[in-house]
Amino acid sequence: MMLCVPMFVGAQTLTFTDYEPMGNMRTQVTRQFFRLVEQESKGRIRIDHHWNGELSSSYDAYETVREGTKADMATVVPEYDSQRMPLHQLFKSFLAGPSGEAQVALIRKAYKTIPELTEELHHAGIHPVLVATGYPVGFYSREPMADLSALKEQTWRTASFWHISYLENAGATNKRIPWGEQVSDSLRSGAIDGIMVNIDSGWDIGAHRAAPHLLVSQELWLGHIYLVAMNLDRWNALPPKDKRAIERAASKTYKAMGKTMDESYEQMLQQLSNEGCTVRRLTHEEVSDFVTNVRQSEVQERWVKEKESEGTADVRRVFEKLRSLVQHSAKRKQ
């Protein structure tokens, strides 16, 4: 049943931009959030949403929303602006993490108990109104792999500087290739043996057709933060009742987000299987062994020390707080 929300005379419109087309799991969550914003504000706020890079690309999204001319809100990926949002890079340093509702709970608690995260965004001129992640990481390979030890002496492609380090520590060589058709071509030609990427991005470029063997686990969380961020000045100018309406809408979105993520993950794996992809789910022990073997803690510690030497404030404190949250979540699952 469709709920009709009356629009008040003088209702304000917030312009939003996203670089992905409307329809996948993450964008559907965002769209539902906007519906709730309009409902919770009783029509005082209307979202004019633009998808598929209509107003801004993924790499320009931060500047677009910070400037606040073309859009008041945007989906911002902190990884693409690592110099201005260094503390947010720590999420992706953890190869393994919770999924579904537990993941949503962890991220919400992180922003609630680690004020430096929001402070970093405010310093960058934006305010987070909704925080989400994407699908888990998967390993698409041209040839079957019995387990992740088969990465040794192979050539792979991944994008994250964290994942590059982990692949190299697993004995693989990382090859830098621009994302898109060039990656698919490289898989087909054998220039690379596989890609380490969130499973939906692999699906988007048809990686499973050239690399039809997939090792997955929901524990291999992407750790890739997607912020629905608002221009800070625009956020500060909102009346308190409108800020509360947006926060209520976010809270309701979070309550449904975990289930949506779990269901979408299973649907994505089924789609891949239907198209001939061989999908094997890694065990908890295999994931734990991989985290140990690629020396995650060593890589994290080296990066933290580098940032400390560069003068990044609070980086060790934030890292230790986030690590504690991840470890606590893992213990609860056990």
C-alpha atoms as a PDB file:
ATOM      1  CA  MET A   1       0.000   0.000   0.000  1.00  0.00           C
ATOM      2  CA  MET A   2       1.492   3.333  -1.039  1.00  0.00           C
ATOM      3  CA  LEU A   3       1.599   6.016   1.623  1.00  0.00           C
ATOM      4  CA  CYS A   4       0.852   9.460   0.273  1.00  0.00           C
ATOM      5  CA  VAL A   5       2.798  12.221   1.988  1.00  0.00           C
ATOM      6  CA  PRO A   6       1.265  15.697   1.734  1.00  0.00           C
ATOM      7  CA  MET A   7       3.662  18.322   0.413  1.00  0.00           C
ATOM      8  CA  PHE A   8       3.520  21.595   2.281  1.00  0.00           C
ATOM      9  CA  VAL A   9       3.727  24.952   0.586  1.00  0.00           C
ATOM     10  CA  GLY A  10       7.321  26.079   0.976  1.00  0.00           C
ATOM     11  CA  ALA A  11       8.680  22.562   1.408  1.00  0.00           C
ATOM     12  CA  GLN A  12      12.414  22.513   0.803  1.00  0.00           C
ATOM     13  CA  THR A  13      14.069  20.319  -1.794  1.00  0.00           C
ATOM     14  CA  LEU A  14      17.418  18.650  -1.226  1.00  0.00           C
ATOM     15  CA  THR A  15      19.265  17.578  -4.368  1.00  0.00           C
ATOM     16  CA  PHE A  16      21.075  14.246  -4.178  1.00  0.00           C
ATOM     17  CA  THR A  17      23.519  12.564  -6.555  1.00  0.00           C
ATOM     18  CA  ASP A  18      24.787   8.977  -6.776  1.00  0.00           C
ATOM     19  CA  TYR A  19      27.256   7.556  -9.281  1.00  0.00           C
ATOM     20  CA  GLU A  20      25.536   4.173  -9.582  1.00  0.00           C
ATOM     21  CA  PRO A  21      22.286   3.405 -11.430  1.00  0.00           C
ATOM     22  CA  MET A  22      19.185   2.957  -9.337  1.00  0.00           C
ATOM     23  CA  GLY A  23      18.324  -0.685  -8.720  1.00  0.00           C
ATOM     24  CA  ASN A  24      21.077  -2.512  -6.833  1.00  0.00           C
ATOM     25  CA  MET A  25      20.995  -3.325  -3.133  1.00  0.00           C
ATOM     26  CA  ARG A  26      22.754  -0.200  -1.881  1.00  0.00           C
ATOM     27  CA  THR A  27      20.821   2.251  -4.050  1.00  0.00           C
ATOM     28  CA  GLN A  28      17.519   0.654  -3.077  1.00  0.00           C
ATOM     29  CA  VAL A  29      18.403   1.167   0.582  1.00  0.00           C
ATOM     30  CA  THR A  30      19.182   4.811  -0.164  1.00  0.00           C
ATOM     31  CA  ARG A  31      15.910   5.286  -2.016  1.00  0.00           C
ATOM     32  CA  GLN A  32      13.960   3.806   0.884  1.00  0.00           C
ATOM     33  CA  PHE A  33      15.774   6.201   3.225  1.00  0.00           C
ATOM     34  CA  PHE A  34      14.598   9.129   1.094  1.00  0.00           C
ATOM     35  CA  ARG A  35      11.000   7.902   1.228  1.00  0.00           C
ATOM     36  CA  LEU A  36      11.263   7.774   4.998  1.00  0.00           C
ATOM     37  CA  VAL A  37      12.776  11.270   5.143  1.00  0.00           C
ATOM     38  CA  GLU A  38       9.773  12.632   3.280  1.00  0.00           C
ATOM     39  CA  GLN A  39       7.393  10.703   5.555  1.00  0.00           C
ATOM     40  CA  GLU A  40       9.115  11.608   8.817  1.00  0.00           C
ATOM     41  CA  SER A  41       9.286  15.284   7.857  1.00  0.00           C
ATOM     42  CA  LYS A  42       5.587  15.175   6.924  1.00  0.00           C
ATOM     43  CA  GLY A  43       6.418  16.538   3.514  1.00  0.00           C
ATOM     44  CA  ARG A  44       8.616  19.413   4.689  1.00  0.00           C
ATOM     45  CA  ILE A  45      11.613  17.829   2.929  1.00  0.00           C
ATOM     46  CA  ARG A  46      11.630  16.533  -0.622  1.00  0.00           C
ATOM     47  CA  ILE A  47      14.580  14.676  -2.143  1.00  0.00           C
ATOM     48  CA  ASP A  48      15.377  15.348  -5.795  1.00  0.00           C
ATOM     49  CA  HIS A  49      17.543  12.304  -6.508  1.00  0.00           C
ATOM     50  CA  HIS A  50      19.850  11.783  -9.506  1.00  0.00           C
ATOM     51  CA  TRP A  51      21.502   8.453 -10.305  1.00  0.00           C
ATOM     52  CA  ASN A  52      24.119   6.921 -12.602  1.00  0.00           C
ATOM     53  CA  GLY A  53      26.550   9.827 -12.370  1.00  0.00           C
ATOM     54  CA  GLU A  54      24.088  12.344 -13.745  1.00  0.00           C
ATOM     55  CA  LEU A  55      25.458  15.153 -11.571  1.00  0.00           C
ATOM     56  CA  SER A  56      28.752  13.755 -10.343  1.00  0.00           C
ATOM     57  CA  SER A  57      31.105  10.808 -10.761  1.00  0.00           C
ATOM     58  CA  SER A  58      32.185   8.632  -7.845  1.00  0.00           C
ATOM     59  CA  TYR A  59      35.540  10.398  -7.584  1.00  0.00           C
ATOM     60  CA  ASP A  60      33.998  13.886  -7.751  1.00  0.00           C
ATOM     61  CA  ALA A  61      31.159  13.230  -5.300  1.00  0.00           C
ATOM     62  CA  TYR A  62      32.965  14.588  -2.256  1.00  0.00           C
ATOM     63  CA  GLU A  63      33.877  17.879  -3.939  1.00  0.00           C
ATOM     64  CA  THR A  64      30.357  18.165  -5.345  1.00  0.00           C
ATOM     65  CA  VAL A  65      28.659  17.912  -1.964  1.00  0.00           C
ATOM     66  CA  ARG A  66      31.318  19.942  -0.138  1.00  0.00           C
ATOM     67  CA  GLU A  67      30.848  22.759  -2.622  1.00  0.00           C
ATOM     68  CA  GLY A  68      27.063  22.388  -2.367  1.00  0.00           C
ATOM     69  CA  THR A  69      26.195  24.067  -5.671  1.00  0.00           C
ATOM     70  CA  LYS A  70      25.025  21.184  -7.867  1.00  0.00           C
ATOM     71  CA  ALA A  71      23.916  18.945  -4.990  1.00  0.00           C
ATOM     72  CA  ASP A  72      23.142  19.182  -1.289  1.00  0.00           C
ATOM     73  CA  MET A  73      23.783  15.462  -0.731  1.00  0.00           C
ATOM     74  CA  ALA A  74      25.794  12.744  -2.415  1.00  0.00           C
ATOM     75  CA  THR A  75      26.995   9.194  -1.930  1.00  0.00           C
ATOM     76  CA  VAL A  76      30.572   9.769  -0.837  1.00  0.00           C
ATOM     77  CA  VAL A  77      33.185   7.008  -0.654  1.00  0.00           C
ATOM     78  CA  PRO A  78      35.931   8.084   1.793  1.00  0.00           C
ATOM     79  CA  GLU A  79      38.413   5.724   0.121  1.00  0.00           C
ATOM     80  CA  TYR A  80      38.432   8.021  -2.913  1.00  0.00           C
ATOM     81  CA  ASP A  81      39.559  10.966  -0.747  1.00  0.00           C
ATOM     82  CA  SER A  82      41.999   9.235   1.561  1.00  0.00           C
ATOM     83  CA  GLN A  83      44.103  12.345   2.158  1.00  0.00           C
ATOM     84  CA  ARG A  84      41.153  14.292   3.566  1.00  0.00           C
ATOM     85  CA  MET A  85      39.520  11.320   5.307  1.00  0.00           C
ATOM     86  CA  PRO A  86      42.433   9.167   6.538  1.00  0.00           C
ATOM     87  CA  LEU A  87      40.686   7.812   9.634  1.00  0.00           C
ATOM     88  CA  HIS A  88      37.902   6.311   7.500  1.00  0.00           C
ATOM     89  CA  GLN A  89      40.469   4.187   5.653  1.00  0.00           C
ATOM     90  CA  LEU A  90      40.761   2.014   8.749  1.00  0.00           C
ATOM     91  CA  PHE A  91      37.422   0.279   8.114  1.00  0.00           C
ATOM     92  CA  LYS A  92      38.781  -1.484   5.046  1.00  0.00           C
ATOM     93  CA  SER A  93      41.967  -2.567   6.819  1.00  0.00           C
ATOM     94  CA  PHE A  94      39.975  -5.374   8.435  1.00  0.00           C
ATOM     95  CA  LEU A  95      39.627  -8.258   6.011  1.00  0.00           C
ATOM     96  CA  ALA A  96      37.034 -10.012   8.120  1.00  0.00           C
ATOM     97  CA  GLY A  97      34.082  -8.557   9.945  1.00  0.00           C
ATOM     98  CA  PRO A  98      30.417  -9.100  10.767  1.00  0.00           C
ATOM     99  CA  SER A  99      27.626  -9.251   8.227  1.00  0.00           C
ATOM    100  CA  GLY A 100      23.967  -8.297   8.117  1.00  0.00           C
ATOM    101  CA  GLU A 101      22.472  -6.839  11.277  1.00  0.00           C
ATOM    102  CA  ALA A 102      25.721  -7.288  13.202  1.00  0.00           C
ATOM    103  CA  GLN A 103      27.585  -5.248  10.605  1.00  0.00           C
ATOM    104  CA  VAL A 104      25.015  -2.467  10.730  1.00  0.00           C
ATOM    105  CA  ALA A 105      25.227  -2.474  14.539  1.00  0.00           C
ATOM    106  CA  LEU A 106      29.026  -2.285  14.478  1.00  0.00           C
ATOM    107  CA  ILE A 107      29.114   0.654  12.088  1.00  0.00           C
ATOM    108  CA  ARG A 108      26.462   2.549  14.023  1.00  0.00           C
ATOM    109  CA  LYS A 109      28.355   1.943  17.261  1.00  0.00           C
ATOM    110  CA  ALA A 110      31.596   3.056  15.627  1.00  0.00           C
ATOM    111  CA  TYR A 111      30.135   6.460  14.767  1.00  0.00           C
ATOM    112  CA  LYS A 112      28.486   6.723  18.168  1.00  0.00           C
ATOM    113  CA  THR A 113      31.564   5.848  20.238  1.00  0.00           C
ATOM    114  CA  ILE A 114      34.354   7.193  18.018  1.00  0.00           C
ATOM    115  CA  PRO A 115      33.546  10.909  17.648  1.00  0.00           C
ATOM    116  CA  GLU A 116      36.731  11.450  15.644  1.00  0.00           C
ATOM    117  CA  LEU A 117      35.013   9.861  12.637  1.00  0.00           C
ATOM    118  CA  THR A 118      32.239  12.442  12.468  1.00  0.00           C
ATOM    119  CA  GLU A 119      34.689  15.196  13.381  1.00  0.00           C
ATOM    120  CA  GLU A 120      36.834  14.221  10.398  1.00  0.00           C
ATOM    121  CA  LEU A 121      33.833  14.521   8.088  1.00  0.00           C
ATOM    122  CA  HIS A 122      32.813  17.863   9.582  1.00  0.00           C
ATOM    123  CA  HIS A 123      36.348  19.123   9.096  1.00  0.00           C
ATOM    124  CA  ALA A 124      35.985  18.060   5.449  1.00  0.00           C
ATOM    125  CA  GLY A 125      32.753  20.071   5.187  1.00  0.00           C
ATOM    126  CA  ILE A 126      30.211  17.243   5.100  1.00  0.00           C
ATOM    127  CA  HIS A 127      27.800  15.572   7.536  1.00  0.00           C
ATOM    128  CA  PRO A 128      26.884  11.856   7.422  1.00  0.00           C
ATOM    129  CA  VAL A 129      23.120  11.287   7.389  1.00  0.00           C
ATOM    130  CA  LEU A 130      23.291   7.555   6.531  1.00  0.00           C
ATOM    131  CA  VAL A 131      26.217   5.120   6.601  1.00  0.00           C
ATOM    132  CA  ALA A 132      26.205   1.845   4.682  1.00  0.00           C
ATOM    133  CA  THR A 133      28.596  -0.706   3.229  1.00  0.00           C
ATOM    134  CA  GLY A 134      28.420  -2.979   0.209  1.00  0.00           C
ATOM    135  CA  TYR A 135      28.567  -6.668  -0.601  1.00  0.00           C
ATOM    136  CA  PRO A 136      31.378  -8.846   0.789  1.00  0.00           C
ATOM    137  CA  VAL A 137      34.629  -9.405  -1.051  1.00  0.00           C
ATOM    138  CA  GLY A 138      34.978 -12.386  -3.375  1.00  0.00           C
ATOM    139  CA  PHE A 139      37.822 -13.991  -5.306  1.00  0.00           C
ATOM    140  CA  TYR A 140      36.920 -14.493  -8.981  1.00  0.00           C
ATOM    141  CA  SER A 141      39.463 -16.804 -10.662  1.00  0.00           C
ATOM    142  CA  ARG A 142      39.970 -18.123 -14.188  1.00  0.00           C
ATOM    143  CA  GLU A 143      40.886 -21.572 -12.869  1.00  0.00           C
ATOM    144  CA  PRO A 144      39.482 -23.446  -9.858  1.00  0.00           C
ATOM    145  CA  MET A 145      41.259 -22.731  -6.559  1.00  0.00           C
ATOM    146  CA  ALA A 146      41.072 -25.288  -3.788  1.00  0.00           C
ATOM    147  CA  ASP A 147      41.623 -22.526  -1.260  1.00  0.00           C
ATOM    148  CA  LEU A 148      43.230 -19.111  -0.901  1.00  0.00           C
ATOM    149  CA  SER A 149      46.743 -20.557  -0.682  1.00  0.00           C
ATOM    150  CA  ALA A 150      46.467 -20.947  -4.472  1.00  0.00           C
ATOM    151  CA  LEU A 151      46.962 -17.182  -4.794  1.00  0.00           C
ATOM    152  CA  LYS A 152      50.696 -17.743  -4.455  1.00  0.00           C
ATOM    153  CA  GLU A 153      52.647 -16.873  -7.626  1.00  0.00           C
ATOM    154  CA  GLN A 154      49.498 -15.799  -9.468  1.00  0.00           C
ATOM    155  CA  THR A 155      48.746 -12.357 -10.925  1.00  0.00           C
ATOM    156  CA  TRP A 156      45.632 -10.661  -9.601  1.00  0.00           C
ATOM    157  CA  ARG A 157      43.909  -7.316  -9.710  1.00  0.00           C
ATOM    158  CA  THR A 158      42.472  -5.398  -6.775  1.00  0.00           C
ATOM    159  CA  ALA A 159      42.077  -1.688  -6.074  1.00  0.00           C
ATOM    160  CA  SER A 160      42.335  -1.042  -2.333  1.00  0.00           C
ATOM    161  CA  PHE A 161      45.833  -0.320  -1.058  1.00  0.00           C
ATOM    162  CA  TRP A 162      45.006  -2.595   1.880  1.00  0.00           C
ATOM    163  CA  HIS A 163      44.002  -5.482  -0.369  1.00  0.00           C
ATOM    164  CA  ILE A 164      47.074  -4.976  -2.552  1.00  0.00           C
ATOM    165  CA  SER A 165      49.236  -5.507   0.534  1.00  0.00           C
ATOM    166  CA  TYR A 166      47.260  -8.593   1.549  1.00  0.00           C
ATOM    167  CA  LEU A 167      47.493 -10.140  -1.929  1.00  0.00           C
ATOM    168  CA  GLU A 168      51.223  -9.526  -2.019  1.00  0.00           C
ATOM    169  CA  ASN A 169      51.637 -11.071   1.423  1.00  0.00           C
ATOM    170  CA  ALA A 170      49.734 -14.097   0.121  1.00  0.00           C
ATOM    171  CA  GLY A 171      52.421 -14.444  -2.559  1.00  0.00           C
ATOM    172  CA  ALA A 172      50.455 -12.951  -5.460  1.00  0.00           C
ATOM    173  CA  THR A 173      51.422 -10.119  -7.797  1.00  0.00           C
ATOM    174  CA  ASN A 174      48.976  -7.254  -8.144  1.00  0.00           C
ATOM    175  CA  LYS A 175      48.500  -5.743 -11.593  1.00  0.00           C
ATOM    176  CA  ARG A 176      47.068  -2.244 -11.831  1.00  0.00           C
ATOM    177  CA  ILE A 177      44.319  -2.089 -14.455  1.00  0.00           C
ATOM    178  CA  PRO A 178      41.628   0.608 -14.790  1.00  0.00           C
ATOM    179  CA  TRP A 179      38.269  -0.731 -13.657  1.00  0.00           C
ATOM    180  CA  GLY A 180      35.769  -1.813 -16.277  1.00  0.00           C
ATOM    181  CA  GLU A 181      36.118  -3.491 -19.656  1.00  0.00           C
ATOM    182  CA  GLN A 182      39.920  -3.565 -19.395  1.00  0.00           C
ATOM    183  CA  VAL A 183      39.641  -5.846 -16.365  1.00  0.00           C
ATOM    184  CA  SER A 184      37.271  -8.184 -18.224  1.00  0.00           C
ATOM    185  CA  ASP A 185      39.619  -8.210 -21.226  1.00  0.00           C
ATOM    186  CA  SER A 186      42.578  -9.026 -18.987  1.00  0.00           C
ATOM    187  CA  LEU A 187      40.693 -11.944 -17.457  1.00  0.00           C
ATOM    188  CA  ARG A 188      39.723 -13.280 -20.868  1.00  0.00           C
ATOM    189  CA  SER A 189      43.255 -12.991 -22.247  1.00  0.00           C
ATOM    190  CA  GLY A 190      44.883 -14.505 -19.180  1.00  0.00           C
ATOM    191  CA  ALA A 191      46.874 -11.348 -18.393  1.00  0.00           C
ATOM    192  CA  ILE A 192      45.565 -11.772 -14.852  1.00  0.00           C
ATOM    193  CA  ASP A 193      44.464 -14.904 -13.044  1.00  0.00           C
ATOM    194  CA  GLY A 194      41.669 -13.302 -11.076  1.00  0.00           C
ATOM    195  CA  ILE A 195      40.273 -10.311  -9.211  1.00  0.00           C
ATOM    196  CA  MET A 196      39.633  -9.603  -5.551  1.00  0.00           C
ATOM    197  CA  VAL A 197      36.564  -7.378  -5.398  1.00  0.00           C
ATOM    198  CA  ASN A 198      33.113  -7.017  -3.868  1.00  0.00           C
ATOM    199  CA  ILE A 199      30.992  -9.648  -5.574  1.00  0.00           C
ATOM    200  CA  ASP A 200      28.482  -7.236  -7.122  1.00  0.00           C
ATOM    201  CA  SER A 201      31.188  -5.202  -8.840  1.00  0.00           C
ATOM    202  CA  GLY A 202      32.492  -8.438 -10.339  1.00  0.00           C
ATOM    203  CA  TRP A 203      28.980  -9.178 -11.543  1.00  0.00           C
ATOM    204  CA  ASP A 204      28.637  -5.695 -13.035  1.00  0.00           C
ATOM    205  CA  ILE A 205      31.565  -6.185 -15.418  1.00  0.00           C
ATOM    206  CA  GLY A 206      30.731  -9.832 -16.170  1.00  0.00           C
ATOM    207  CA  ALA A 207      33.885 -11.104 -14.453  1.00  0.00           C
ATOM    208  CA  HIS A 208      32.193 -14.434 -13.779  1.00  0.00           C
ATOM    209  CA  ARG A 209      32.105 -15.204 -17.498  1.00  0.00           C
ATOM    210  CA  ALA A 210      35.882 -15.044 -17.861  1.00  0.00           C
ATOM    211  CA  ALA A 211      36.656 -16.062 -14.269  1.00  0.00           C
ATOM    212  CA  PRO A 212      33.837 -18.479 -13.386  1.00  0.00           C
ATOM    213  CA  HIS A 213      35.253 -19.772 -10.111  1.00  0.00           C
ATOM    214  CA  LEU A 214      34.363 -17.788  -7.004  1.00  0.00           C
ATOM    215  CA  LEU A 215      35.490 -18.152  -3.404  1.00  0.00           C
ATOM    216  CA  VAL A 216      33.285 -16.163  -1.018  1.00  0.00           C
ATOM    217  CA  SER A 217      32.396 -15.608   2.596  1.00  0.00           C
ATOM    218  CA  GLN A 218      30.112 -13.126   4.288  1.00  0.00           C
ATOM    219  CA  GLU A 219      32.900 -12.718   6.837  1.00  0.00           C
ATOM    220  CA  LEU A 220      35.044 -11.125   4.130  1.00  0.00           C
ATOM    221  CA  TRP A 221      33.241  -7.853   4.582  1.00  0.00           C
ATOM    222  CA  LEU A 222      34.102  -5.116   2.160  1.00  0.00           C
ATOM    223  CA  GLY A 223      34.676  -2.539   4.891  1.00  0.00           C
ATOM    224  CA  HIS A 224      33.981  -0.057   2.095  1.00  0.00           C
ATOM    225  CA  ILE A 225      32.040   2.833   3.620  1.00  0.00           C
ATOM    226  CA  TYR A 226      29.330   4.508   1.555  1.00  0.00           C
ATOM    227  CA  LEU A 227      28.205   7.769   3.125  1.00  0.00           C
ATOM    228  CA  VAL A 228      25.017   9.537   2.227  1.00  0.00           C
ATOM    229  CA  ALA A 229      26.574  12.868   3.114  1.00  0.00           C
ATOM    230  CA  MET A 230      25.109  16.349   3.243  1.00  0.00           C
ATOM    231  CA  ASN A 231      26.847  19.660   2.777  1.00  0.00           C
ATOM    232  CA  LEU A 232      27.712  20.707   6.331  1.00  0.00           C
ATOM    233  CA  ASP A 233      26.420  24.267   5.994  1.00  0.00           C
ATOM    234  CA  ARG A 234      23.142  22.963   4.590  1.00  0.00           C
ATOM    235  CA  TRP A 235      22.844  20.496   7.477  1.00  0.00           C
ATOM    236  CA  ASN A 236      23.548  23.179  10.076  1.00  0.00           C
ATOM    237  CA  ALA A 237      20.930  25.449   8.488  1.00  0.00           C
ATOM    238  CA  LEU A 238      18.149  22.871   8.820  1.00  0.00           C
ATOM    239  CA  PRO A 239      15.566  23.487  11.547  1.00  0.00           C
ATOM    240  CA  PRO A 240      15.984  21.102  14.500  1.00  0.00           C
ATOM    241  CA  LYS A 241      12.699  19.344  13.686  1.00  0.00           C
ATOM    242  CA  ASP A 242      13.958  18.545  10.183  1.00  0.00           C
ATOM    243  CA  LYS A 243      17.264  17.236  11.499  1.00  0.00           C
ATOM    244  CA  ARG A 244      15.320  14.975  13.860  1.00  0.00           C
ATOM    245  CA  ALA A 245      13.134  13.780  10.982  1.00  0.00           C
ATOM    246  CA  ILE A 246      16.217  12.792   8.962  1.00  0.00           C
ATOM    247  CA  GLU A 247      17.701  11.009  11.976  1.00  0.00           C
ATOM    248  CA  ARG A 248      14.469   9.082  12.563  1.00  0.00           C
ATOM    249  CA  ALA A 249      14.410   8.075   8.907  1.00  0.00           C
ATOM    250  CA  ALA A 250      18.002   6.842   9.188  1.00  0.00           C
ATOM    251  CA  SER A 251      17.171   4.838  12.315  1.00  0.00           C
ATOM    252  CA  LYS A 252      14.278   3.095  10.559  1.00  0.00           C
ATOM    253  CA  THR A 253      16.484   2.422   7.529  1.00  0.00           C
ATOM    254  CA  TYR A 254      19.152   0.807   9.704  1.00  0.00           C
ATOM    255  CA  LYS A 255      16.588  -1.531  11.235  1.00  0.00           C
ATOM    256  CA  ALA A 256      15.766  -3.021   7.826  1.00  0.00           C
ATOM    257  CA  MET A 257      19.246  -2.781   6.334  1.00  0.00           C
ATOM    258  CA  GLY A 258      20.745  -5.982   7.766  1.00  0.00           C
ATOM    259  CA  LYS A 259      17.980  -8.212   6.437  1.00  0.00           C
ATOM    260  CA  THR A 260      18.163  -6.514   3.051  1.00  0.00           C
ATOM    261  CA  MET A 261      21.913  -7.101   2.895  1.00  0.00           C
ATOM    262  CA  ASP A 262      21.587 -10.800   3.771  1.00  0.00           C
ATOM    263  CA  GLU A 263      18.788 -11.424   1.284  1.00  0.00           C
ATOM    264  CA  SER A 264      20.549  -9.536  -1.502  1.00  0.00           C
ATOM    265  CA  TYR A 265      23.771 -11.461  -0.881  1.00  0.00           C
ATOM    266  CA  GLU A 266      22.019 -14.801  -1.316  1.00  0.00           C
ATOM    267  CA  GLN A 267      20.223 -13.538  -4.419  1.00  0.00           C
ATOM    268  CA  MET A 268      23.515 -12.376  -5.929  1.00  0.00           C
ATOM    269  CA  LEU A 269      25.153 -15.758  -5.319  1.00  0.00           C
ATOM    270  CA  GLN A 270      22.146 -17.497  -6.885  1.00  0.00           C
ATOM    271  CA  GLN A 271      22.368 -15.249  -9.949  1.00  0.00           C
ATOM    272  CA  LEU A 272      26.046 -16.067 -10.322  1.00  0.00           C
ATOM    273  CA  SER A 273      25.356 -19.788 -10.003  1.00  0.00           C
ATOM    274  CA  ASN A 274      22.552 -19.566 -12.549  1.00  0.00           C
ATOM    275  CA  GLU A 275      25.014 -18.079 -15.031  1.00  0.00           C
ATOM    276  CA  GLY A 276      27.465 -20.946 -14.614  1.00  0.00           C
ATOM    277  CA  CYS A 277      29.715 -19.567 -11.907  1.00  0.00           C
ATOM    278  CA  THR A 278      31.040 -22.157  -9.468  1.00  0.00           C
ATOM    279  CA  VAL A 279      30.586 -20.665  -6.004  1.00  0.00           C
ATOM    280  CA  ARG A 280      32.294 -22.075  -2.928  1.00  0.00           C
ATOM    281  CA  ARG A 281      31.783 -20.605   0.531  1.00  0.00           C
ATOM    282  CA  LEU A 282      34.934 -20.421   2.606  1.00  0.00           C
ATOM    283  CA  THR A 283      34.750 -21.737   6.158  1.00  0.00           C
ATOM    284  CA  HIS A 284      35.324 -19.560   9.213  1.00  0.00           C
ATOM    285  CA  GLU A 285      38.637 -21.320   9.767  1.00  0.00           C
ATOM    286  CA  GLU A 286      39.764 -20.596   6.211  1.00  0.00           C
ATOM    287  CA  VAL A 287      38.958 -16.909   6.592  1.00  0.00           C
ATOM    288  CA  SER A 288      40.756 -16.724   9.951  1.00  0.00           C
ATOM    289  CA  ASP A 289      43.821 -18.462   8.512  1.00  0.00           C
ATOM    290  CA  PHE A 290      43.871 -16.069   5.565  1.00  0.00           C
ATOM    291  CA  VAL A 291      43.759 -13.023   7.851  1.00  0.00           C
ATOM    292  CA  THR A 292      46.706 -14.448   9.790  1.00  0.00           C
ATOM    293  CA  ASN A 293      48.694 -15.532   6.740  1.00  0.00           C
ATOM    294  CA  VAL A 294      48.522 -12.159   5.014  1.00  0.00           C
ATOM    295  CA  ARG A 295      49.767 -10.479   8.209  1.00  0.00           C
ATOM    296  CA  GLN A 296      46.828  -8.108   8.612  1.00  0.00           C
ATOM    297  CA  SER A 297      47.988  -6.801  11.997  1.00  0.00           C
ATOM    298  CA  GLU A 298      51.465  -6.063  10.660  1.00  0.00           C
ATOM    299  CA  VAL A 299      50.100  -4.136   7.673  1.00  0.00           C
ATOM    300  CA  GLN A 300      47.733  -2.147   9.888  1.00  0.00           C
ATOM    301  CA  GLU A 301      50.455  -1.278  12.373  1.00  0.00           C
ATOM    302  CA  ARG A 302      52.809  -0.094   9.632  1.00  0.00           C
ATOM    303  CA  TRP A 303      50.108   2.148   8.157  1.00  0.00           C
ATOM    304  CA  VAL A 304      49.190   3.621  11.549  1.00  0.00           C
ATOM    305  CA  LYS A 305      52.851   4.459  12.208  1.00  0.00           C
ATOM    306  CA  GLU A 306      53.140   6.107   8.795  1.00  0.00           C
ATOM    307  CA  LYS A 307      50.112   8.275   9.499  1.00  0.00           C
ATOM    308  CA  GLU A 308      51.430   9.171  12.935  1.00  0.00           C
ATOM    309  CA  SER A 309      54.702  10.286  11.373  1.00  0.00           C
ATOM    310  CA  GLU A 310      52.726  12.423   8.918  1.00  0.00           C
ATOM    311  CA  GLY A 311      50.919  14.101  11.799  1.00  0.00           C
ATOM    312  CA  THR A 312      47.473  12.518  11.407  1.00  0.00           C
ATOM    313  CA  ALA A 313      45.825  13.212  14.747  1.00  0.00           C
ATOM    314  CA  ASP A 314      44.056  10.464  16.696  1.00  0.00           C
ATOM    315  CA  VAL A 315      44.860   7.720  14.180  1.00  0.00           C
ATOM    316  CA  ARG A 316      46.100   5.207  16.759  1.00  0.00           C
ATOM    317  CA  ARG A 317      43.240   5.892  19.154  1.00  0.00           C
ATOM    318  CA  VAL A 318      40.669   5.453  16.384  1.00  0.00           C
ATOM    319  CA  PHE A 319      42.388   2.292  15.145  1.00  0.00           C
ATOM    320  CA  GLU A 320      42.391   0.716  18.601  1.00  0.00           C
ATOM    321  CA  LYS A 321      38.752   1.609  19.215  1.00  0.00           C
ATOM    322  CA  LEU A 322      37.669   0.209  15.858  1.00  0.00           C
ATOM    323  CA  ARG A 323      39.752  -2.923  16.316  1.00  0.00           C
ATOM    324  CA  SER A 324      38.115  -3.478  19.699  1.00  0.00           C
ATOM    325  CA  LEU A 325      34.652  -3.214  18.129  1.00  0.00           C
ATOM    326  CA  VAL A 326      35.539  -5.696  15.379  1.00  0.00           C
ATOM    327  CA  GLN A 327      37.087  -8.151  17.840  1.00  0.00           C
ATOM    328  CA  HIS A 328      34.110  -7.874  20.199  1.00  0.00           C
ATOM    329  CA  SER A 329      31.732  -8.555  17.315  1.00  0.00           C
ATOM    330  CA  ALA A 330      33.739 -11.648  16.355  1.00  0.00           C
ATOM    331  CA  LYS A 331      33.635 -12.974  19.923  1.00  0.00           C
ATOM    332  CA  ARG A 332      29.874 -12.497  20.125  1.00  0.00           C
ATOM    333  CA  LYS A 333      29.434 -14.509  16.954  1.00  0.00           C
ATOM    334  CA  GLN A 334      31.484 -17.366  18.375  1.00  0.00           C
END
